N, C-alpha and C. Protein backbone atom coordinates (compact mmCIF):
# COMPACT_ATOMS: atom_id res chain seq x y z
N MET A 1 0.85 -1.17 0.00
CA MET A 1 0.00 0.00 0.00
C MET A 1 0.90 1.24 0.00
N SER A 2 0.58 2.19 -0.84
CA SER A 2 1.37 3.41 -0.89
C SER A 2 1.12 4.25 0.35
N LYS A 3 2.06 5.13 0.62
CA LYS A 3 1.92 6.01 1.79
C LYS A 3 0.71 6.93 1.63
N GLU A 4 0.42 7.32 0.39
CA GLU A 4 -0.74 8.17 0.12
C GLU A 4 -2.03 7.44 0.50
N ASN A 5 -2.14 6.18 0.09
CA ASN A 5 -3.31 5.38 0.44
C ASN A 5 -3.37 5.11 1.93
N ALA A 6 -2.22 4.97 2.57
CA ALA A 6 -2.19 4.72 4.01
C ALA A 6 -2.78 5.89 4.77
N VAL A 7 -2.48 7.11 4.36
CA VAL A 7 -3.03 8.30 5.00
C VAL A 7 -4.53 8.37 4.78
N LEU A 8 -4.96 8.14 3.56
CA LEU A 8 -6.39 8.14 3.25
C LEU A 8 -7.12 7.08 4.06
N ASN A 9 -6.55 5.89 4.14
CA ASN A 9 -7.16 4.81 4.92
C ASN A 9 -7.21 5.14 6.41
N GLU A 10 -6.15 5.75 6.93
CA GLU A 10 -6.13 6.09 8.35
C GLU A 10 -7.19 7.14 8.67
N LEU A 11 -7.31 8.15 7.83
CA LEU A 11 -8.34 9.17 8.03
C LEU A 11 -9.74 8.57 7.92
N THR A 12 -9.93 7.70 6.94
CA THR A 12 -11.24 7.06 6.74
C THR A 12 -11.60 6.18 7.93
N GLU A 13 -10.65 5.42 8.41
CA GLU A 13 -10.89 4.53 9.55
C GLU A 13 -11.23 5.34 10.80
N LEU A 14 -10.49 6.40 11.04
CA LEU A 14 -10.75 7.23 12.21
C LEU A 14 -12.13 7.88 12.12
N LYS A 15 -12.47 8.37 10.94
CA LYS A 15 -13.80 8.98 10.76
C LYS A 15 -14.90 7.95 11.00
N SER A 16 -14.71 6.74 10.52
CA SER A 16 -15.70 5.67 10.75
C SER A 16 -15.88 5.38 12.23
N LYS A 17 -14.81 5.40 12.96
CA LYS A 17 -14.90 5.14 14.41
C LYS A 17 -15.65 6.26 15.13
N PHE A 18 -15.38 7.50 14.76
CA PHE A 18 -16.13 8.62 15.34
C PHE A 18 -17.60 8.53 14.92
N ASP A 19 -17.86 8.14 13.68
CA ASP A 19 -19.24 7.98 13.21
C ASP A 19 -19.99 6.93 14.03
N ARG A 20 -19.33 5.81 14.31
CA ARG A 20 -19.98 4.74 15.08
C ARG A 20 -20.32 5.19 16.50
N VAL A 21 -19.42 5.94 17.12
CA VAL A 21 -19.69 6.43 18.47
C VAL A 21 -20.84 7.44 18.43
N MET A 22 -20.86 8.30 17.44
CA MET A 22 -21.96 9.26 17.31
C MET A 22 -23.28 8.54 17.08
N ASP A 23 -23.27 7.51 16.26
CA ASP A 23 -24.48 6.73 16.04
C ASP A 23 -24.98 6.10 17.32
N LYS A 24 -24.08 5.59 18.11
CA LYS A 24 -24.49 5.01 19.40
C LYS A 24 -25.12 6.07 20.30
N LEU A 25 -24.56 7.27 20.25
CA LEU A 25 -25.07 8.36 21.08
C LEU A 25 -26.45 8.81 20.62
N THR A 26 -26.65 8.90 19.32
CA THR A 26 -27.89 9.48 18.81
C THR A 26 -28.96 8.46 18.43
N LEU A 27 -28.56 7.24 18.12
CA LEU A 27 -29.53 6.27 17.60
C LEU A 27 -29.85 5.11 18.55
N THR A 28 -29.19 5.07 19.69
CA THR A 28 -29.44 3.96 20.61
C THR A 28 -29.72 4.49 22.01
N ASP A 29 -30.14 3.59 22.86
CA ASP A 29 -30.34 3.91 24.27
C ASP A 29 -29.18 3.39 25.10
N MET A 30 -28.03 3.20 24.46
CA MET A 30 -26.86 2.67 25.14
C MET A 30 -26.47 3.59 26.30
N ASP A 31 -25.93 3.00 27.35
CA ASP A 31 -25.49 3.72 28.53
C ASP A 31 -24.47 4.80 28.14
N LEU A 32 -24.68 6.02 28.58
CA LEU A 32 -23.79 7.13 28.27
C LEU A 32 -22.38 6.88 28.78
N THR A 33 -22.25 6.17 29.87
CA THR A 33 -20.92 5.86 30.42
C THR A 33 -20.11 5.04 29.43
N VAL A 34 -20.74 4.08 28.78
CA VAL A 34 -20.06 3.23 27.79
C VAL A 34 -19.67 4.06 26.56
N ILE A 35 -20.57 4.89 26.09
CA ILE A 35 -20.29 5.74 24.93
C ILE A 35 -19.16 6.71 25.25
N SER A 36 -19.21 7.29 26.41
CA SER A 36 -18.17 8.23 26.83
C SER A 36 -16.80 7.53 26.92
N ALA A 37 -16.79 6.31 27.37
CA ALA A 37 -15.54 5.54 27.43
C ALA A 37 -14.98 5.28 26.03
N GLU A 38 -15.86 4.96 25.09
CA GLU A 38 -15.42 4.76 23.70
C GLU A 38 -14.87 6.05 23.11
N TYR A 39 -15.54 7.15 23.38
CA TYR A 39 -15.05 8.46 22.95
C TYR A 39 -13.67 8.72 23.56
N GLY A 40 -13.51 8.41 24.83
CA GLY A 40 -12.23 8.62 25.51
C GLY A 40 -11.11 7.82 24.86
N GLN A 41 -11.40 6.60 24.45
CA GLN A 41 -10.39 5.78 23.77
C GLN A 41 -10.01 6.39 22.42
N LEU A 42 -10.99 6.89 21.69
CA LEU A 42 -10.70 7.55 20.42
C LEU A 42 -9.86 8.81 20.64
N LYS A 43 -10.21 9.55 21.65
CA LYS A 43 -9.48 10.77 21.97
C LYS A 43 -8.02 10.45 22.30
N LYS A 44 -7.81 9.40 23.06
CA LYS A 44 -6.44 8.96 23.39
C LYS A 44 -5.69 8.52 22.15
N ARG A 45 -6.38 7.81 21.27
CA ARG A 45 -5.76 7.32 20.04
C ARG A 45 -5.30 8.50 19.18
N VAL A 46 -6.15 9.50 19.05
CA VAL A 46 -5.80 10.69 18.27
C VAL A 46 -4.58 11.38 18.87
N LYS A 47 -4.58 11.56 20.19
CA LYS A 47 -3.46 12.23 20.86
C LYS A 47 -2.18 11.43 20.71
N SER A 48 -2.26 10.13 20.84
CA SER A 48 -1.09 9.27 20.71
C SER A 48 -0.50 9.33 19.30
N ARG A 49 -1.38 9.26 18.31
CA ARG A 49 -0.92 9.31 16.91
C ARG A 49 -0.36 10.69 16.58
N LEU A 50 -0.97 11.73 17.10
CA LEU A 50 -0.49 13.09 16.90
C LEU A 50 0.91 13.24 17.49
N ASP A 51 1.09 12.77 18.72
CA ASP A 51 2.41 12.83 19.36
C ASP A 51 3.45 12.06 18.56
N GLU A 52 3.05 10.90 18.07
CA GLU A 52 3.95 10.07 17.27
C GLU A 52 4.43 10.80 16.01
N LEU A 53 3.51 11.43 15.31
CA LEU A 53 3.86 12.17 14.10
C LEU A 53 4.72 13.39 14.41
N GLN A 54 4.40 14.09 15.49
CA GLN A 54 5.15 15.28 15.84
C GLN A 54 6.58 14.96 16.28
N GLN A 55 6.78 13.77 16.81
CA GLN A 55 8.11 13.38 17.28
C GLN A 55 8.92 12.62 16.24
N ALA A 56 8.30 12.28 15.13
CA ALA A 56 8.99 11.51 14.09
C ALA A 56 10.09 12.36 13.46
N ALA A 57 11.18 11.71 13.15
CA ALA A 57 12.30 12.41 12.52
C ALA A 57 11.91 12.93 11.15
N ALA A 58 11.12 12.17 10.45
CA ALA A 58 10.67 12.59 9.11
C ALA A 58 9.31 11.98 8.84
N ILE A 59 8.44 12.79 8.26
CA ILE A 59 7.14 12.28 7.83
C ILE A 59 6.96 12.64 6.37
N ASN A 60 6.14 11.85 5.69
CA ASN A 60 5.96 12.10 4.25
C ASN A 60 5.03 13.30 4.02
N VAL A 61 4.95 13.70 2.78
CA VAL A 61 4.19 14.89 2.40
C VAL A 61 2.71 14.75 2.76
N ASP A 62 2.11 13.59 2.52
CA ASP A 62 0.69 13.40 2.84
C ASP A 62 0.45 13.43 4.34
N GLU A 63 1.34 12.86 5.10
CA GLU A 63 1.21 12.94 6.56
C GLU A 63 1.31 14.39 7.02
N GLN A 64 2.24 15.13 6.42
CA GLN A 64 2.44 16.54 6.78
C GLN A 64 1.25 17.41 6.38
N ASN A 65 0.70 17.17 5.21
CA ASN A 65 -0.34 18.05 4.67
C ASN A 65 -1.77 17.67 5.03
N TYR A 66 -2.00 16.41 5.37
CA TYR A 66 -3.38 15.96 5.63
C TYR A 66 -3.55 15.33 7.01
N LEU A 67 -2.75 14.33 7.30
CA LEU A 67 -2.95 13.59 8.54
C LEU A 67 -2.62 14.44 9.77
N LEU A 68 -1.48 15.07 9.78
CA LEU A 68 -1.08 15.87 10.93
C LEU A 68 -2.06 17.01 11.22
N PRO A 69 -2.43 17.81 10.21
CA PRO A 69 -3.41 18.87 10.51
C PRO A 69 -4.78 18.33 10.92
N ALA A 70 -5.20 17.23 10.33
CA ALA A 70 -6.49 16.64 10.70
C ALA A 70 -6.47 16.20 12.16
N LEU A 71 -5.41 15.53 12.56
CA LEU A 71 -5.30 15.08 13.95
C LEU A 71 -5.21 16.27 14.91
N ARG A 72 -4.51 17.32 14.51
CA ARG A 72 -4.44 18.52 15.36
C ARG A 72 -5.83 19.12 15.57
N GLU A 73 -6.57 19.25 14.49
CA GLU A 73 -7.92 19.83 14.59
C GLU A 73 -8.82 18.97 15.47
N VAL A 74 -8.79 17.68 15.26
CA VAL A 74 -9.63 16.79 16.07
C VAL A 74 -9.22 16.89 17.53
N HIS A 75 -7.93 16.86 17.79
CA HIS A 75 -7.44 16.95 19.17
C HIS A 75 -7.87 18.28 19.83
N LEU A 76 -7.77 19.36 19.09
CA LEU A 76 -8.13 20.67 19.64
C LEU A 76 -9.63 20.82 19.90
N HIS A 77 -10.44 20.15 19.10
CA HIS A 77 -11.88 20.37 19.19
C HIS A 77 -12.64 19.27 19.94
N CYS A 78 -11.96 18.22 20.31
CA CYS A 78 -12.59 17.18 21.16
C CYS A 78 -12.41 17.61 22.61
N VAL A 79 -13.22 18.56 23.01
CA VAL A 79 -13.05 19.18 24.33
C VAL A 79 -13.83 18.47 25.43
N ALA A 80 -14.74 17.59 25.06
CA ALA A 80 -15.49 16.85 26.09
C ALA A 80 -14.52 15.95 26.84
N ARG A 81 -14.69 15.89 28.14
CA ARG A 81 -13.85 15.00 28.94
C ARG A 81 -14.17 13.56 28.60
N SER A 82 -13.17 12.72 28.76
CA SER A 82 -13.33 11.30 28.40
C SER A 82 -14.43 10.61 29.19
N ASN A 83 -14.71 11.07 30.39
CA ASN A 83 -15.72 10.42 31.22
C ASN A 83 -16.97 11.28 31.39
N THR A 84 -17.20 12.18 30.45
CA THR A 84 -18.32 13.11 30.59
C THR A 84 -19.67 12.38 30.61
N GLN A 85 -20.58 12.95 31.32
CA GLN A 85 -21.95 12.48 31.32
C GLN A 85 -22.87 13.52 30.68
N ASN A 86 -22.24 14.54 30.10
CA ASN A 86 -22.98 15.61 29.43
C ASN A 86 -23.16 15.23 27.96
N ARG A 87 -24.35 14.82 27.64
CA ARG A 87 -24.66 14.35 26.29
C ARG A 87 -24.39 15.42 25.23
N GLN A 88 -24.72 16.68 25.50
CA GLN A 88 -24.54 17.75 24.52
C GLN A 88 -23.06 18.01 24.25
N THR A 89 -22.24 18.07 25.29
CA THR A 89 -20.80 18.30 25.12
C THR A 89 -20.17 17.16 24.34
N LEU A 90 -20.57 15.95 24.66
CA LEU A 90 -20.05 14.78 23.95
C LEU A 90 -20.47 14.83 22.48
N SER A 91 -21.72 15.13 22.23
CA SER A 91 -22.22 15.24 20.87
C SER A 91 -21.47 16.32 20.09
N ASP A 92 -21.24 17.46 20.71
CA ASP A 92 -20.51 18.56 20.05
C ASP A 92 -19.10 18.13 19.66
N SER A 93 -18.42 17.46 20.57
CA SER A 93 -17.04 17.02 20.29
C SER A 93 -17.01 15.97 19.18
N LEU A 94 -17.94 15.04 19.23
CA LEU A 94 -18.00 14.01 18.18
C LEU A 94 -18.30 14.64 16.82
N CYS A 95 -19.23 15.57 16.80
CA CYS A 95 -19.60 16.25 15.56
C CYS A 95 -18.41 17.03 15.00
N ASP A 96 -17.70 17.73 15.87
CA ASP A 96 -16.51 18.47 15.42
C ASP A 96 -15.48 17.53 14.81
N ALA A 97 -15.23 16.40 15.47
CA ALA A 97 -14.26 15.43 14.96
C ALA A 97 -14.70 14.92 13.58
N GLN A 98 -15.97 14.58 13.45
CA GLN A 98 -16.48 14.12 12.16
C GLN A 98 -16.30 15.18 11.08
N ASP A 99 -16.61 16.41 11.41
CA ASP A 99 -16.51 17.50 10.43
C ASP A 99 -15.08 17.72 9.97
N TYR A 100 -14.15 17.78 10.91
CA TYR A 100 -12.75 18.01 10.54
C TYR A 100 -12.19 16.84 9.74
N LEU A 101 -12.51 15.64 10.13
CA LEU A 101 -12.03 14.48 9.37
C LEU A 101 -12.65 14.47 7.98
N SER A 102 -13.90 14.80 7.86
CA SER A 102 -14.55 14.88 6.54
C SER A 102 -13.88 15.93 5.67
N HIS A 103 -13.57 17.06 6.27
CA HIS A 103 -12.91 18.12 5.51
C HIS A 103 -11.58 17.64 4.94
N TYR A 104 -10.75 17.02 5.76
CA TYR A 104 -9.44 16.58 5.28
C TYR A 104 -9.57 15.41 4.30
N LEU A 105 -10.55 14.57 4.50
CA LEU A 105 -10.79 13.51 3.52
C LEU A 105 -11.20 14.09 2.17
N SER A 106 -12.03 15.11 2.17
CA SER A 106 -12.46 15.70 0.91
C SER A 106 -11.29 16.40 0.21
N GLN A 107 -10.37 16.92 0.97
CA GLN A 107 -9.18 17.57 0.39
C GLN A 107 -8.23 16.54 -0.20
N LYS A 108 -8.24 15.35 0.37
CA LYS A 108 -7.30 14.30 -0.02
C LYS A 108 -7.79 13.55 -1.25
N ARG A 109 -9.09 13.45 -1.43
CA ARG A 109 -9.64 12.64 -2.54
C ARG A 109 -9.53 13.31 -3.86
């Protein structure tokens, strides 16, 4: 798989995961504690991957132009705490993540 496709796949996979958590929040009666925990795991994954890219000695052009800025935006706008019980704050953070990932995916395609 080319590095270009790897970036596209990583963004697509991350967006799908945020979509699934949002669907659970809006379309099911699932316990908010469980949904919040899933959001927290995604938030940690984004932060970990962002740190990894920022500390890398060299990253490719697609990582620099698409993946890194997308992860920064998601990290900055996922302001809901990982264990929040506030449905609106959680929804806002999930929606922001979806929007930023969609934006970078549309720029990449």
